[in-house]
């Protein structure tokens, strides 16, 4: 999950970053106190969730949300404000939540648990950890290679890679790309799916 926090008060941004670190520790969270940076950051990272202050000196959070939703319509917008009067206006855009400052941890957690567009808690990092050498793929490469009495050097030669590369795959330091994995499967005479189960 990728989360952007935008509030003109830097201390509030830092508080949100701390809270999010506890609630969703594996998420990528970026904060800014400059409304002018919001769209640029959004285009760069394509966040899943944007926590927006509504009343900022440089820009209105609702106007920013409209721009964000034009770029990526399934973005979860969570409005945060010190003024309840903005509640009705905030629903001009499809919002996941409207939170009034100071935001309590339980309210933030609840907003993240009930997103308008649920976001998978499976991160690229967790996938790589699961399927890298310490998980599955590396161990399977070693197993199938050894069953065929093939050395790392021989496998590396057939793939036109350095023996250290094969070693990194097998030790879980790296994960071969899908094309290379298919080539490894062909060389070791196994189905590519055998590396995953």
N, C-alpha and C. Protein backbone atom coordinates (compact mmCIF):
# COMPACT_ATOMS: atom_id res chain seq x y z
N UNK A 1 0.85 -1.19 0.00
CA UNK A 1 0.00 0.00 0.00
C UNK A 1 0.88 1.24 0.00
N UNK A 2 0.51 2.21 -0.81
CA UNK A 2 1.24 3.48 -0.88
C UNK A 2 0.32 4.60 -0.41
N UNK A 3 0.81 5.39 0.56
CA UNK A 3 -0.02 6.43 1.17
C UNK A 3 0.68 7.78 1.10
N UNK A 4 -0.08 8.79 0.69
CA UNK A 4 0.41 10.17 0.70
C UNK A 4 -0.35 10.96 1.74
N UNK A 5 0.38 11.71 2.56
CA UNK A 5 -0.24 12.59 3.55
C UNK A 5 0.09 14.03 3.17
N UNK A 6 -0.92 14.87 3.06
CA UNK A 6 -0.70 16.29 2.74
C UNK A 6 -1.45 17.16 3.74
N UNK A 7 -0.68 17.93 4.50
CA UNK A 7 -1.24 18.86 5.47
C UNK A 7 -0.27 20.02 5.57
N UNK A 8 -0.79 21.25 5.64
CA UNK A 8 0.12 22.40 5.67
C UNK A 8 0.90 22.50 6.98
N UNK A 9 0.53 21.73 7.99
CA UNK A 9 1.26 21.71 9.26
C UNK A 9 2.21 20.51 9.27
N UNK A 10 3.52 20.77 9.22
CA UNK A 10 4.51 19.69 9.15
C UNK A 10 4.44 18.76 10.36
N UNK A 11 4.10 19.28 11.53
CA UNK A 11 4.00 18.42 12.72
C UNK A 11 2.87 17.41 12.58
N UNK A 12 1.78 17.84 11.96
CA UNK A 12 0.65 16.92 11.72
C UNK A 12 1.07 15.84 10.72
N UNK A 13 1.80 16.25 9.68
CA UNK A 13 2.31 15.28 8.70
C UNK A 13 3.16 14.22 9.41
N UNK A 14 4.07 14.68 10.28
CA UNK A 14 4.94 13.75 11.00
C UNK A 14 4.15 12.84 11.94
N UNK A 15 3.12 13.39 12.59
CA UNK A 15 2.26 12.57 13.45
C UNK A 15 1.58 11.46 12.65
N UNK A 16 1.06 11.83 11.47
CA UNK A 16 0.41 10.83 10.62
C UNK A 16 1.41 9.76 10.19
N UNK A 17 2.61 10.17 9.82
CA UNK A 17 3.63 9.20 9.41
C UNK A 17 3.94 8.23 10.54
N UNK A 18 4.03 8.74 11.77
CA UNK A 18 4.28 7.88 12.93
C UNK A 18 3.13 6.90 13.15
N UNK A 19 1.90 7.41 13.10
CA UNK A 19 0.73 6.55 13.31
C UNK A 19 0.62 5.48 12.23
N UNK A 20 0.83 5.90 10.99
CA UNK A 20 0.73 4.94 9.88
C UNK A 20 1.82 3.88 9.99
N UNK A 21 2.98 4.26 10.49
CA UNK A 21 4.06 3.30 10.70
C UNK A 21 3.67 2.20 11.66
N UNK A 22 2.78 2.52 12.61
CA UNK A 22 2.31 1.52 13.57
C UNK A 22 1.13 0.72 13.00
N UNK A 23 0.25 1.39 12.28
CA UNK A 23 -0.97 0.73 11.78
C UNK A 23 -0.68 -0.15 10.56
N UNK A 24 0.09 0.40 9.63
CA UNK A 24 0.42 -0.35 8.40
C UNK A 24 1.94 -0.28 8.18
N UNK A 25 2.70 -1.04 8.98
CA UNK A 25 4.16 -0.92 8.98
C UNK A 25 4.85 -1.20 7.65
N UNK A 26 4.24 -1.99 6.78
CA UNK A 26 4.89 -2.32 5.51
C UNK A 26 4.50 -1.38 4.37
N UNK A 27 3.66 -0.41 4.67
CA UNK A 27 3.22 0.53 3.63
C UNK A 27 4.31 1.55 3.33
N UNK A 28 4.29 2.06 2.10
CA UNK A 28 5.17 3.16 1.74
C UNK A 28 4.40 4.45 2.00
N UNK A 29 4.85 5.24 2.95
CA UNK A 29 4.15 6.47 3.32
C UNK A 29 5.04 7.69 3.09
N UNK A 30 4.50 8.66 2.39
CA UNK A 30 5.22 9.91 2.12
C UNK A 30 4.35 11.06 2.56
N UNK A 31 4.95 12.04 3.21
CA UNK A 31 4.20 13.21 3.66
C UNK A 31 4.77 14.50 3.11
N UNK A 32 3.89 15.46 2.94
CA UNK A 32 4.32 16.79 2.51
C UNK A 32 3.47 17.85 3.18
N UNK A 33 4.10 18.99 3.46
CA UNK A 33 3.34 20.11 4.02
C UNK A 33 3.14 21.19 2.95
N UNK A 34 3.51 20.84 1.71
CA UNK A 34 3.36 21.78 0.60
C UNK A 34 2.31 21.26 -0.39
N UNK A 35 1.20 21.92 -0.42
CA UNK A 35 0.11 21.50 -1.31
C UNK A 35 0.55 21.48 -2.77
N UNK A 36 1.49 22.37 -3.10
CA UNK A 36 1.98 22.43 -4.47
C UNK A 36 2.73 21.18 -4.92
N UNK A 37 3.14 20.36 -3.97
CA UNK A 37 3.87 19.12 -4.31
C UNK A 37 2.95 17.91 -4.49
N UNK A 38 1.69 18.05 -4.11
CA UNK A 38 0.79 16.90 -4.06
C UNK A 38 0.63 16.21 -5.42
N UNK A 39 0.29 16.96 -6.44
CA UNK A 39 0.04 16.34 -7.76
C UNK A 39 1.33 15.75 -8.34
N UNK A 40 2.42 16.45 -8.17
CA UNK A 40 3.71 15.95 -8.66
C UNK A 40 4.05 14.62 -7.98
N UNK A 41 3.93 14.57 -6.66
CA UNK A 41 4.19 13.32 -5.93
C UNK A 41 3.23 12.22 -6.35
N UNK A 42 1.96 12.59 -6.53
CA UNK A 42 0.97 11.58 -6.91
C UNK A 42 1.30 10.97 -8.27
N UNK A 43 1.66 11.80 -9.22
CA UNK A 43 2.00 11.28 -10.56
C UNK A 43 3.23 10.38 -10.50
N UNK A 44 4.14 10.69 -9.60
CA UNK A 44 5.36 9.89 -9.49
C UNK A 44 5.11 8.53 -8.85
N UNK A 45 4.27 8.49 -7.81
CA UNK A 45 4.09 7.25 -7.04
C UNK A 45 2.73 6.58 -7.20
N UNK A 46 1.75 7.25 -7.76
CA UNK A 46 0.41 6.69 -7.95
C UNK A 46 -0.09 6.03 -6.66
N UNK A 47 -0.26 6.81 -5.64
CA UNK A 47 -0.65 6.33 -4.32
C UNK A 47 -2.01 5.63 -4.34
N UNK A 48 -2.18 4.69 -3.39
CA UNK A 48 -3.46 4.00 -3.21
C UNK A 48 -4.39 4.81 -2.32
N UNK A 49 -3.78 5.51 -1.35
CA UNK A 49 -4.54 6.29 -0.37
C UNK A 49 -3.91 7.67 -0.27
N UNK A 50 -4.75 8.70 -0.28
CA UNK A 50 -4.27 10.07 -0.09
C UNK A 50 -5.03 10.67 1.08
N UNK A 51 -4.28 11.06 2.11
CA UNK A 51 -4.87 11.72 3.28
C UNK A 51 -4.65 13.21 3.10
N UNK A 52 -5.74 13.94 2.90
CA UNK A 52 -5.66 15.35 2.50
C UNK A 52 -6.30 16.29 3.52
N UNK A 53 -5.54 17.30 3.90
CA UNK A 53 -6.12 18.41 4.66
C UNK A 53 -6.98 19.19 3.67
N UNK A 54 -8.12 19.66 4.09
CA UNK A 54 -9.00 20.39 3.17
C UNK A 54 -8.58 21.86 3.06
N UNK A 55 -8.29 22.48 4.19
CA UNK A 55 -8.03 23.92 4.21
C UNK A 55 -6.53 24.19 4.28
N UNK A 56 -5.89 24.37 3.11
CA UNK A 56 -4.46 24.66 3.06
C UNK A 56 -4.26 26.00 2.34
N UNK A 57 -3.24 26.76 2.74
CA UNK A 57 -3.03 28.08 2.13
C UNK A 57 -2.80 28.04 0.62
N UNK A 58 -2.05 27.05 0.15
CA UNK A 58 -1.70 27.00 -1.28
C UNK A 58 -2.81 26.43 -2.15
N UNK A 59 -3.61 25.54 -1.59
CA UNK A 59 -4.64 24.88 -2.40
C UNK A 59 -5.73 24.28 -1.51
N UNK A 60 -6.88 24.08 -2.09
CA UNK A 60 -7.99 23.44 -1.40
C UNK A 60 -7.87 21.93 -1.60
N UNK A 61 -7.95 21.17 -0.49
CA UNK A 61 -7.79 19.72 -0.58
C UNK A 61 -8.82 19.05 -1.47
N UNK A 62 -10.04 19.60 -1.51
CA UNK A 62 -11.09 19.01 -2.35
C UNK A 62 -10.74 19.19 -3.83
N UNK A 63 -10.22 20.36 -4.17
CA UNK A 63 -9.79 20.61 -5.55
C UNK A 63 -8.64 19.69 -5.93
N UNK A 64 -7.72 19.46 -4.99
CA UNK A 64 -6.60 18.53 -5.25
C UNK A 64 -7.13 17.11 -5.45
N UNK A 65 -8.11 16.73 -4.63
CA UNK A 65 -8.69 15.38 -4.74
C UNK A 65 -9.32 15.18 -6.12
N UNK A 66 -9.99 16.20 -6.63
CA UNK A 66 -10.59 16.08 -7.96
C UNK A 66 -9.53 15.82 -9.02
N UNK A 67 -8.39 16.52 -8.91
CA UNK A 67 -7.30 16.30 -9.86
C UNK A 67 -6.73 14.88 -9.73
N UNK A 68 -6.56 14.45 -8.48
CA UNK A 68 -6.04 13.10 -8.23
C UNK A 68 -6.97 12.04 -8.81
N UNK A 69 -8.25 12.21 -8.60
CA UNK A 69 -9.22 11.22 -9.08
C UNK A 69 -9.34 11.21 -10.60
N UNK A 70 -8.98 12.31 -11.25
CA UNK A 70 -8.93 12.31 -12.72
C UNK A 70 -7.76 11.47 -13.20
N UNK A 71 -6.67 11.50 -12.45
CA UNK A 71 -5.48 10.73 -12.80
C UNK A 71 -5.69 9.24 -12.51
N UNK A 72 -6.22 8.95 -11.31
CA UNK A 72 -6.43 7.56 -10.89
C UNK A 72 -7.75 7.48 -10.12
N UNK A 73 -8.83 7.16 -10.83
CA UNK A 73 -10.17 7.19 -10.23
C UNK A 73 -10.37 6.30 -9.00
N UNK A 74 -9.59 5.22 -8.87
CA UNK A 74 -9.78 4.32 -7.73
C UNK A 74 -8.90 4.68 -6.54
N UNK A 75 -8.47 5.91 -6.47
CA UNK A 75 -7.69 6.37 -5.32
C UNK A 75 -8.62 6.55 -4.13
N UNK A 76 -8.17 6.12 -2.98
CA UNK A 76 -8.93 6.32 -1.73
C UNK A 76 -8.54 7.66 -1.13
N UNK A 77 -9.49 8.57 -1.07
CA UNK A 77 -9.24 9.89 -0.50
C UNK A 77 -9.81 9.93 0.92
N UNK A 78 -8.95 10.28 1.86
CA UNK A 78 -9.39 10.48 3.24
C UNK A 78 -9.16 11.94 3.57
N UNK A 79 -10.24 12.67 3.81
CA UNK A 79 -10.13 14.08 4.15
C UNK A 79 -9.90 14.24 5.65
N UNK A 80 -9.03 15.20 5.97
CA UNK A 80 -8.75 15.52 7.36
C UNK A 80 -8.85 17.03 7.51
N UNK A 81 -9.57 17.47 8.52
CA UNK A 81 -9.70 18.92 8.71
C UNK A 81 -10.01 19.24 10.16
N UNK A 82 -9.75 20.47 10.52
CA UNK A 82 -10.10 20.94 11.85
C UNK A 82 -11.49 21.56 11.88
N UNK A 83 -12.14 21.59 10.72
CA UNK A 83 -13.43 22.27 10.59
C UNK A 83 -14.51 21.33 10.07
N UNK A 84 -15.44 21.00 10.91
CA UNK A 84 -16.53 20.10 10.53
C UNK A 84 -17.39 20.68 9.41
N UNK A 85 -17.35 22.00 9.24
CA UNK A 85 -18.19 22.65 8.21
C UNK A 85 -17.86 22.16 6.81
N UNK A 86 -16.66 21.57 6.64
CA UNK A 86 -16.27 21.08 5.31
C UNK A 86 -16.85 19.70 5.00
N UNK A 87 -17.50 19.07 5.96
CA UNK A 87 -17.96 17.69 5.78
C UNK A 87 -18.84 17.53 4.55
N UNK A 88 -19.85 18.35 4.42
CA UNK A 88 -20.76 18.22 3.30
C UNK A 88 -20.05 18.49 1.97
N UNK A 89 -19.23 19.52 1.94
CA UNK A 89 -18.50 19.88 0.73
C UNK A 89 -17.55 18.76 0.30
N UNK A 90 -16.99 18.03 1.30
CA UNK A 90 -16.02 16.98 0.97
C UNK A 90 -16.63 15.86 0.14
N UNK A 91 -17.94 15.68 0.21
CA UNK A 91 -18.58 14.61 -0.54
C UNK A 91 -18.84 14.98 -1.99
N UNK A 92 -18.27 16.11 -2.45
CA UNK A 92 -18.29 16.44 -3.88
C UNK A 92 -17.45 15.44 -4.65
N UNK A 93 -16.53 14.79 -3.95
CA UNK A 93 -15.71 13.74 -4.55
C UNK A 93 -16.00 12.45 -3.80
N UNK A 94 -15.81 11.30 -4.44
CA UNK A 94 -16.04 10.04 -3.72
C UNK A 94 -14.93 9.84 -2.68
N UNK A 95 -15.24 10.05 -1.42
CA UNK A 95 -14.25 9.95 -0.36
C UNK A 95 -14.41 8.66 0.43
N UNK A 96 -13.30 8.17 0.96
CA UNK A 96 -13.34 6.98 1.81
C UNK A 96 -13.68 7.35 3.24
N UNK A 97 -13.26 8.55 3.68
CA UNK A 97 -13.54 8.97 5.05
C UNK A 97 -13.36 10.47 5.20
N UNK A 98 -13.96 10.98 6.26
CA UNK A 98 -13.82 12.39 6.64
C UNK A 98 -13.48 12.39 8.13
N UNK A 99 -12.26 12.84 8.46
CA UNK A 99 -11.80 12.81 9.84
C UNK A 99 -11.57 14.23 10.35
N UNK A 100 -11.98 14.47 11.59
CA UNK A 100 -11.80 15.79 12.20
C UNK A 100 -10.60 15.74 13.14
N UNK A 101 -9.73 16.76 13.02
CA UNK A 101 -8.54 16.85 13.87
C UNK A 101 -8.95 17.23 15.30
N UNK A 102 -8.22 16.77 16.28
CA UNK A 102 -7.11 15.82 16.18
C UNK A 102 -7.64 14.41 15.91
N UNK A 103 -6.95 13.71 15.03
CA UNK A 103 -7.41 12.38 14.60
C UNK A 103 -6.89 11.32 15.57
N UNK A 104 -7.80 10.55 16.11
CA UNK A 104 -7.42 9.47 17.02
C UNK A 104 -7.00 8.24 16.21
N UNK A 105 -6.09 7.47 16.78
CA UNK A 105 -5.57 6.28 16.11
C UNK A 105 -6.68 5.34 15.67
N UNK A 106 -7.68 5.14 16.55
CA UNK A 106 -8.77 4.21 16.22
C UNK A 106 -9.54 4.68 14.99
N UNK A 107 -9.74 6.00 14.88
CA UNK A 107 -10.48 6.55 13.73
C UNK A 107 -9.68 6.36 12.44
N UNK A 108 -8.37 6.59 12.53
CA UNK A 108 -7.52 6.41 11.35
C UNK A 108 -7.49 4.94 10.94
N UNK A 109 -7.34 4.07 11.92
CA UNK A 109 -7.32 2.63 11.63
C UNK A 109 -8.64 2.19 10.99
N UNK A 110 -9.76 2.69 11.52
CA UNK A 110 -11.07 2.36 10.98
C UNK A 110 -11.21 2.84 9.54
N UNK A 111 -10.72 4.05 9.27
CA UNK A 111 -10.78 4.59 7.90
C UNK A 111 -9.98 3.71 6.94
N UNK A 112 -8.82 3.25 7.38
CA UNK A 112 -7.98 2.40 6.53
C UNK A 112 -8.57 1.00 6.36
N UNK A 113 -9.30 0.55 7.37
CA UNK A 113 -9.93 -0.77 7.28
C UNK A 113 -11.19 -0.77 6.40
N UNK A 114 -11.75 0.42 6.15
CA UNK A 114 -12.98 0.52 5.37
C UNK A 114 -12.82 1.44 4.15
N UNK A 115 -11.75 1.22 3.42
CA UNK A 115 -11.50 2.04 2.23
C UNK A 115 -12.55 1.78 1.17
N UNK A 116 -12.86 2.81 0.45
CA UNK A 116 -13.83 2.71 -0.65
C UNK A 116 -13.37 1.70 -1.69
N UNK A 117 -12.08 1.72 -1.98
CA UNK A 117 -11.46 0.77 -2.92
C UNK A 117 -10.39 0.01 -2.13
N UNK A 118 -10.73 -1.17 -1.60
CA UNK A 118 -9.76 -1.91 -0.77
C UNK A 118 -8.44 -2.13 -1.49
N UNK A 119 -7.39 -2.06 -0.71
CA UNK A 119 -6.03 -2.21 -1.23
C UNK A 119 -5.45 -3.48 -0.62
N UNK A 120 -4.82 -4.28 -1.46
CA UNK A 120 -4.19 -5.51 -0.97
C UNK A 120 -3.09 -5.17 0.02
N UNK A 121 -3.02 -5.97 1.09
CA UNK A 121 -1.95 -5.77 2.06
C UNK A 121 -0.70 -6.50 1.61
N UNK A 122 -0.77 -7.16 0.45
CA UNK A 122 0.39 -7.85 -0.07
C UNK A 122 1.25 -6.84 -0.83
N UNK A 123 2.44 -6.63 -0.36
CA UNK A 123 3.34 -5.67 -1.00
C UNK A 123 4.29 -6.39 -1.95
N UNK A 124 4.93 -5.63 -2.84
CA UNK A 124 5.95 -6.20 -3.72
C UNK A 124 7.04 -6.85 -2.88
N UNK A 125 7.38 -6.21 -1.77
CA UNK A 125 8.43 -6.72 -0.89
C UNK A 125 8.03 -8.07 -0.29
N UNK A 126 6.78 -8.19 0.15
CA UNK A 126 6.36 -9.46 0.75
C UNK A 126 6.30 -10.57 -0.30
N UNK A 127 5.93 -10.24 -1.53
CA UNK A 127 5.93 -11.24 -2.61
C UNK A 127 7.35 -11.71 -2.88
N UNK A 128 8.26 -10.75 -2.96
CA UNK A 128 9.65 -11.11 -3.25
C UNK A 128 10.23 -11.95 -2.13
N UNK A 129 9.93 -11.60 -0.88
CA UNK A 129 10.43 -12.37 0.25
C UNK A 129 9.89 -13.79 0.22
N UNK A 130 8.59 -13.90 -0.09
CA UNK A 130 7.96 -15.22 -0.11
C UNK A 130 8.53 -16.11 -1.20
N UNK A 131 8.77 -15.54 -2.38
CA UNK A 131 9.15 -16.37 -3.50
C UNK A 131 10.64 -16.35 -3.82
N UNK A 132 11.43 -15.57 -3.07
CA UNK A 132 12.87 -15.55 -3.27
C UNK A 132 13.47 -16.82 -2.68
N UNK A 133 14.80 -16.90 -2.71
CA UNK A 133 15.49 -18.12 -2.28
C UNK A 133 15.12 -18.56 -0.88
N UNK A 134 14.95 -17.61 0.05
CA UNK A 134 14.60 -17.98 1.41
C UNK A 134 13.17 -18.50 1.49
N UNK A 135 12.38 -18.24 0.46
CA UNK A 135 11.00 -18.71 0.45
C UNK A 135 10.87 -19.97 -0.37
N UNK A 136 10.74 -19.80 -1.69
CA UNK A 136 10.46 -20.96 -2.52
C UNK A 136 11.39 -21.09 -3.72
N UNK A 137 11.43 -20.07 -4.57
CA UNK A 137 12.09 -20.20 -5.87
C UNK A 137 13.55 -20.63 -5.74
N UNK A 138 14.31 -19.95 -4.89
CA UNK A 138 15.74 -20.28 -4.75
C UNK A 138 15.97 -21.71 -4.33
N UNK A 139 15.17 -22.18 -3.38
CA UNK A 139 15.31 -23.56 -2.90
C UNK A 139 14.97 -24.55 -4.01
N UNK A 140 13.96 -24.20 -4.82
CA UNK A 140 13.56 -25.10 -5.91
C UNK A 140 14.64 -25.15 -7.00
N UNK A 141 15.24 -24.00 -7.30
CA UNK A 141 16.32 -24.01 -8.31
C UNK A 141 17.43 -24.94 -7.83
N UNK A 142 17.83 -24.79 -6.57
CA UNK A 142 18.88 -25.65 -6.01
C UNK A 142 18.48 -27.12 -6.08
N UNK A 143 17.27 -27.42 -5.64
CA UNK A 143 16.78 -28.81 -5.62
C UNK A 143 16.81 -29.44 -7.01
N UNK A 144 16.21 -28.75 -8.00
CA UNK A 144 16.14 -29.32 -9.35
C UNK A 144 17.53 -29.40 -10.00
N UNK A 145 18.37 -28.42 -9.73
CA UNK A 145 19.73 -28.43 -10.29
C UNK A 145 20.52 -29.61 -9.72
N UNK A 146 20.44 -29.81 -8.40
CA UNK A 146 21.18 -30.90 -7.77
C UNK A 146 20.64 -32.27 -8.17
N UNK A 147 19.32 -32.38 -8.40
CA UNK A 147 18.73 -33.65 -8.85
C UNK A 147 19.27 -34.04 -10.22
N UNK A 148 19.70 -33.07 -10.98
CA UNK A 148 20.25 -33.34 -12.32
C UNK A 148 21.77 -33.35 -12.31
N UNK A 149 22.35 -33.36 -11.10
CA UNK A 149 23.81 -33.37 -10.93
C UNK A 149 24.48 -32.25 -11.74
N UNK A 150 23.87 -31.10 -11.71
CA UNK A 150 24.38 -29.95 -12.45
C UNK A 150 24.98 -28.96 -11.45
N UNK A 151 26.15 -28.45 -11.76
CA UNK A 151 26.77 -27.46 -10.88
C UNK A 151 26.19 -26.07 -11.16
N UNK A 152 26.41 -25.16 -10.23
CA UNK A 152 25.98 -23.77 -10.45
C UNK A 152 26.65 -23.20 -11.69
N UNK A 153 27.93 -23.54 -11.85
CA UNK A 153 28.69 -23.03 -13.00
C UNK A 153 28.09 -23.52 -14.32
N UNK A 154 27.67 -24.79 -14.34
CA UNK A 154 27.07 -25.33 -15.57
C UNK A 154 25.75 -24.62 -15.88
N UNK A 155 24.91 -24.44 -14.85
CA UNK A 155 23.64 -23.75 -15.06
C UNK A 155 23.88 -22.32 -15.51
N UNK A 156 24.84 -21.67 -14.88
CA UNK A 156 25.16 -20.29 -15.24
C UNK A 156 25.62 -20.20 -16.70
N UNK A 157 26.44 -21.16 -17.13
CA UNK A 157 26.93 -21.17 -18.50
C UNK A 157 25.80 -21.33 -19.51
N UNK A 158 24.85 -22.22 -19.21
CA UNK A 158 23.71 -22.43 -20.10
C UNK A 158 22.79 -21.21 -20.18
N UNK A 159 22.80 -20.39 -19.10
CA UNK A 159 21.96 -19.19 -19.07
C UNK A 159 22.72 -17.93 -19.48
N UNK A 160 24.02 -18.09 -19.72
CA UNK A 160 24.89 -16.94 -20.05
C UNK A 160 24.88 -15.87 -18.95
N UNK A 161 24.94 -16.35 -17.70
CA UNK A 161 25.04 -15.44 -16.55
C UNK A 161 26.25 -15.88 -15.72
N UNK A 162 26.66 -15.03 -14.80
CA UNK A 162 27.78 -15.37 -13.92
C UNK A 162 27.33 -16.39 -12.87
N UNK A 163 28.23 -17.28 -12.45
CA UNK A 163 27.88 -18.25 -11.40
C UNK A 163 27.39 -17.56 -10.12
N UNK A 164 27.91 -16.34 -9.85
CA UNK A 164 27.48 -15.59 -8.67
C UNK A 164 25.99 -15.23 -8.75
N UNK A 165 25.50 -15.04 -9.98
CA UNK A 165 24.08 -14.73 -10.16
C UNK A 165 23.22 -15.91 -9.73
N UNK A 166 23.62 -17.11 -10.16
CA UNK A 166 22.89 -18.32 -9.77
C UNK A 166 22.94 -18.49 -8.25
N UNK A 167 24.12 -18.22 -7.68
CA UNK A 167 24.29 -18.31 -6.23
C UNK A 167 23.33 -17.34 -5.51
N UNK A 168 23.21 -16.12 -6.02
CA UNK A 168 22.30 -15.13 -5.41
C UNK A 168 20.85 -15.58 -5.49
N UNK A 169 20.46 -16.17 -6.64
CA UNK A 169 19.09 -16.69 -6.75
C UNK A 169 18.84 -17.76 -5.70
N UNK A 170 19.79 -18.70 -5.62
CA UNK A 170 19.59 -19.84 -4.74
C UNK A 170 19.65 -19.44 -3.26
N UNK A 171 20.38 -18.40 -2.95
CA UNK A 171 20.49 -17.94 -1.55
C UNK A 171 19.44 -16.90 -1.20
N UNK A 172 18.57 -16.55 -2.15
CA UNK A 172 17.50 -15.62 -1.87
C UNK A 172 17.90 -14.16 -1.89
N UNK A 173 19.08 -13.86 -2.42
CA UNK A 173 19.51 -12.46 -2.50
C UNK A 173 18.86 -11.76 -3.69
N UNK A 174 18.54 -12.54 -4.71
CA UNK A 174 17.89 -12.00 -5.90
C UNK A 174 16.84 -12.97 -6.37
N UNK A 175 15.96 -12.47 -7.26
CA UNK A 175 14.91 -13.30 -7.83
C UNK A 175 15.02 -13.19 -9.35
N UNK A 176 15.14 -14.31 -10.09
CA UNK A 176 15.22 -14.19 -11.55
C UNK A 176 13.94 -13.63 -12.14
N UNK A 177 14.07 -12.88 -13.24
CA UNK A 177 12.86 -12.37 -13.88
C UNK A 177 12.12 -13.55 -14.53
N UNK A 178 10.89 -13.33 -14.96
CA UNK A 178 10.03 -14.41 -15.43
C UNK A 178 10.59 -15.11 -16.67
N UNK A 179 11.21 -14.34 -17.58
CA UNK A 179 11.78 -14.95 -18.80
C UNK A 179 12.92 -15.88 -18.41
N UNK A 180 13.78 -15.42 -17.50
CA UNK A 180 14.91 -16.25 -17.05
C UNK A 180 14.40 -17.48 -16.32
N UNK A 181 13.35 -17.32 -15.52
CA UNK A 181 12.79 -18.45 -14.79
C UNK A 181 12.26 -19.52 -15.77
N UNK A 182 11.66 -19.08 -16.85
CA UNK A 182 11.17 -20.03 -17.88
C UNK A 182 12.36 -20.76 -18.52
N UNK A 183 13.44 -20.02 -18.79
CA UNK A 183 14.65 -20.66 -19.35
C UNK A 183 15.23 -21.68 -18.38
N UNK A 184 15.27 -21.32 -17.09
CA UNK A 184 15.78 -22.25 -16.08
C UNK A 184 14.91 -23.52 -16.06
N UNK A 185 13.59 -23.33 -16.14
CA UNK A 185 12.68 -24.48 -16.15
C UNK A 185 12.95 -25.38 -17.36
N UNK A 186 13.19 -24.78 -18.53
CA UNK A 186 13.49 -25.57 -19.73
C UNK A 186 14.78 -26.36 -19.56
N UNK A 187 15.80 -25.70 -19.04
CA UNK A 187 17.11 -26.36 -18.86
C UNK A 187 17.00 -27.50 -17.85
N UNK A 188 16.24 -27.28 -16.78
CA UNK A 188 16.13 -28.30 -15.73
C UNK A 188 14.98 -29.29 -15.98
N UNK A 189 14.30 -29.12 -17.12
CA UNK A 189 13.22 -30.02 -17.54
C UNK A 189 12.10 -30.12 -16.50
N UNK A 190 11.66 -28.97 -16.04
CA UNK A 190 10.53 -28.91 -15.11
C UNK A 190 9.53 -27.88 -15.63
N UNK A 191 8.33 -27.93 -15.07
CA UNK A 191 7.32 -26.94 -15.41
C UNK A 191 7.62 -25.66 -14.63
N UNK A 192 7.50 -24.47 -15.26
CA UNK A 192 7.78 -23.22 -14.51
C UNK A 192 6.98 -23.12 -13.21
N UNK A 193 5.76 -23.67 -13.21
CA UNK A 193 4.95 -23.64 -12.00
C UNK A 193 5.53 -24.43 -10.85
N UNK A 194 6.44 -25.38 -11.16
CA UNK A 194 7.06 -26.19 -10.10
C UNK A 194 7.93 -25.36 -9.16
N UNK A 195 8.31 -24.15 -9.60
CA UNK A 195 9.11 -23.30 -8.73
C UNK A 195 8.26 -22.62 -7.66
N UNK A 196 6.94 -22.60 -7.88
CA UNK A 196 6.06 -21.83 -7.00
C UNK A 196 5.32 -22.67 -5.97
N UNK A 197 5.25 -23.98 -6.17
CA UNK A 197 4.41 -24.78 -5.26
C UNK A 197 5.23 -25.78 -4.47
